[in-house]
Amino acid sequence: MNHPTTRLTLEDVAAHFAHWRQTRLTPKEQIPDYLKEEAVSLIGRYSNRIILKTLRLNHSQLQSFKKKLHLSSYLCLFPIL
């Protein structure tokens, strides 16, 4: 995984998605969390339309990545005791 200070470009993330698609074991394999994080990191720097088209995702996928990452970062702020 990349360091938080590293800013990935759309081309970097597209290459990561392409590599994963070529090397995954089954077509139904879920997208790994690190790729979800990379995709979400592009929001605000690129238009959603360009992100979706380049990464070959649909709107629902990107939204679910965003919600999941937002929820997990929220839960990290308030650990369960």
C-alpha atoms as a PDB file:
ATOM      1  CA  MET A   1       0.000   0.000   0.000  1.00  0.00           C
ATOM      2  CA  ASN A   2       1.141   3.529  -0.634  1.00  0.00           C
ATOM      3  CA  HIS A   3       2.007   6.004   2.052  1.00  0.00           C
ATOM      4  CA  PRO A   4      -0.706   8.600   2.793  1.00  0.00           C
ATOM      5  CA  THR A   5       1.572  11.357   1.497  1.00  0.00           C
ATOM      6  CA  THR A   6       1.805   9.669  -1.914  1.00  0.00           C
ATOM      7  CA  ARG A   7      -0.731  11.100  -4.305  1.00  0.00           C
ATOM      8  CA  LEU A   8      -1.728   8.553  -6.866  1.00  0.00           C
ATOM      9  CA  THR A   9      -2.837   9.659 -10.300  1.00  0.00           C
ATOM     10  CA  LEU A  10      -5.813   8.249 -12.131  1.00  0.00           C
ATOM     11  CA  GLU A  11      -3.366   6.422 -14.398  1.00  0.00           C
ATOM     12  CA  ASP A  12      -1.634   4.831 -11.380  1.00  0.00           C
ATOM     13  CA  VAL A  13      -4.911   3.583  -9.952  1.00  0.00           C
ATOM     14  CA  ALA A  14      -6.085   2.369 -13.370  1.00  0.00           C
ATOM     15  CA  ALA A  15      -2.872   0.344 -13.682  1.00  0.00           C
ATOM     16  CA  HIS A  16      -3.451  -1.172 -10.227  1.00  0.00           C
ATOM     17  CA  PHE A  17      -7.026  -2.134 -11.166  1.00  0.00           C
ATOM     18  CA  ALA A  18      -5.832  -3.620 -14.477  1.00  0.00           C
ATOM     19  CA  HIS A  19      -3.168  -5.685 -12.711  1.00  0.00           C
ATOM     20  CA  TRP A  20      -5.685  -6.965 -10.175  1.00  0.00           C
ATOM     21  CA  ARG A  21      -8.169  -7.875 -12.923  1.00  0.00           C
ATOM     22  CA  GLN A  22      -5.470  -9.821 -14.779  1.00  0.00           C
ATOM     23  CA  THR A  23      -4.238 -11.697 -11.715  1.00  0.00           C
ATOM     24  CA  ARG A  24      -7.408 -12.355  -9.680  1.00  0.00           C
ATOM     25  CA  LEU A  25      -8.302 -15.978  -9.169  1.00  0.00           C
ATOM     26  CA  THR A  26     -11.985 -15.789 -10.121  1.00  0.00           C
ATOM     27  CA  PRO A  27     -14.111 -13.250 -11.995  1.00  0.00           C
ATOM     28  CA  LYS A  28     -16.364 -12.887  -8.928  1.00  0.00           C
ATOM     29  CA  GLU A  29     -13.483 -12.012  -6.589  1.00  0.00           C
ATOM     30  CA  GLN A  30     -14.264  -8.871  -4.601  1.00  0.00           C
ATOM     31  CA  ILE A  31     -12.272  -5.721  -5.194  1.00  0.00           C
ATOM     32  CA  PRO A  32      -9.568  -5.464  -2.501  1.00  0.00           C
ATOM     33  CA  ASP A  33      -9.834  -2.721   0.097  1.00  0.00           C
ATOM     34  CA  TYR A  34      -6.609  -1.050  -1.029  1.00  0.00           C
ATOM     35  CA  LEU A  35      -8.064  -0.552  -4.512  1.00  0.00           C
ATOM     36  CA  LYS A  36     -11.274   0.819  -3.031  1.00  0.00           C
ATOM     37  CA  GLU A  37      -9.222   3.304  -1.000  1.00  0.00           C
ATOM     38  CA  GLU A  38      -7.244   4.318  -4.076  1.00  0.00           C
ATOM     39  CA  ALA A  39     -10.431   4.860  -6.096  1.00  0.00           C
ATOM     40  CA  VAL A  40     -11.965   7.016  -3.361  1.00  0.00           C
ATOM     41  CA  SER A  41      -8.761   9.056  -3.099  1.00  0.00           C
ATOM     42  CA  LEU A  42      -9.360  10.268  -6.662  1.00  0.00           C
ATOM     43  CA  ILE A  43     -12.706  11.881  -5.823  1.00  0.00           C
ATOM     44  CA  GLY A  44     -12.435  15.652  -5.937  1.00  0.00           C
ATOM     45  CA  ARG A  45      -9.361  15.604  -8.188  1.00  0.00           C
ATOM     46  CA  TYR A  46     -11.073  13.976 -11.161  1.00  0.00           C
ATOM     47  CA  SER A  47     -14.692  13.979 -12.257  1.00  0.00           C
ATOM     48  CA  ASN A  48     -16.717  10.968 -11.141  1.00  0.00           C
ATOM     49  CA  ARG A  49     -17.514  10.186 -14.774  1.00  0.00           C
ATOM     50  CA  ILE A  50     -13.816   9.942 -15.664  1.00  0.00           C
ATOM     51  CA  ILE A  51     -13.046   7.839 -12.558  1.00  0.00           C
ATOM     52  CA  LEU A  52     -15.888   5.421 -13.310  1.00  0.00           C
ATOM     53  CA  LYS A  53     -15.028   5.075 -16.989  1.00  0.00           C
ATOM     54  CA  THR A  54     -11.273   4.700 -16.476  1.00  0.00           C
ATOM     55  CA  LEU A  55     -11.510   2.226 -13.585  1.00  0.00           C
ATOM     56  CA  ARG A  56     -14.451   0.380 -15.191  1.00  0.00           C
ATOM     57  CA  LEU A  57     -16.667   0.813 -12.150  1.00  0.00           C
ATOM     58  CA  ASN A  58     -20.288   1.845 -11.800  1.00  0.00           C
ATOM     59  CA  HIS A  59     -21.668   4.656  -9.675  1.00  0.00           C
ATOM     60  CA  SER A  60     -23.032   2.305  -7.005  1.00  0.00           C
ATOM     61  CA  GLN A  61     -19.633   0.671  -6.522  1.00  0.00           C
ATOM     62  CA  LEU A  62     -17.838   3.978  -6.042  1.00  0.00           C
ATOM     63  CA  GLN A  63     -20.506   5.202  -3.620  1.00  0.00           C
ATOM     64  CA  SER A  64     -20.304   1.993  -1.575  1.00  0.00           C
ATOM     65  CA  PHE A  65     -16.488   2.280  -1.414  1.00  0.00           C
ATOM     66  CA  LYS A  66     -16.861   5.840  -0.184  1.00  0.00           C
ATOM     67  CA  LYS A  67     -19.459   4.918   2.470  1.00  0.00           C
ATOM     68  CA  LYS A  68     -17.465   1.931   3.711  1.00  0.00           C
ATOM     69  CA  LEU A  69     -14.270   3.942   4.060  1.00  0.00           C
ATOM     70  CA  HIS A  70     -16.082   6.806   5.750  1.00  0.00           C
ATOM     71  CA  LEU A  71     -17.693   4.418   8.237  1.00  0.00           C
ATOM     72  CA  SER A  72     -14.438   2.587   9.000  1.00  0.00           C
ATOM     73  CA  SER A  73     -12.568   5.857   9.579  1.00  0.00           C
ATOM     74  CA  TYR A  74     -15.416   7.007  11.861  1.00  0.00           C
ATOM     75  CA  LEU A  75     -15.222   3.777  13.870  1.00  0.00           C
ATOM     76  CA  CYS A  76     -11.470   4.203  14.281  1.00  0.00           C
ATOM     77  CA  LEU A  77     -12.129   7.514  16.024  1.00  0.00           C
ATOM     78  CA  PHE A  78     -14.423   5.834  18.548  1.00  0.00           C
ATOM     79  CA  PRO A  79     -13.068   2.389  19.439  1.00  0.00           C
ATOM     80  CA  ILE A  80     -15.365  -0.061  21.144  1.00  0.00           C
ATOM     81  CA  LEU A  81     -14.290  -0.673  24.726  1.00  0.00           C
END
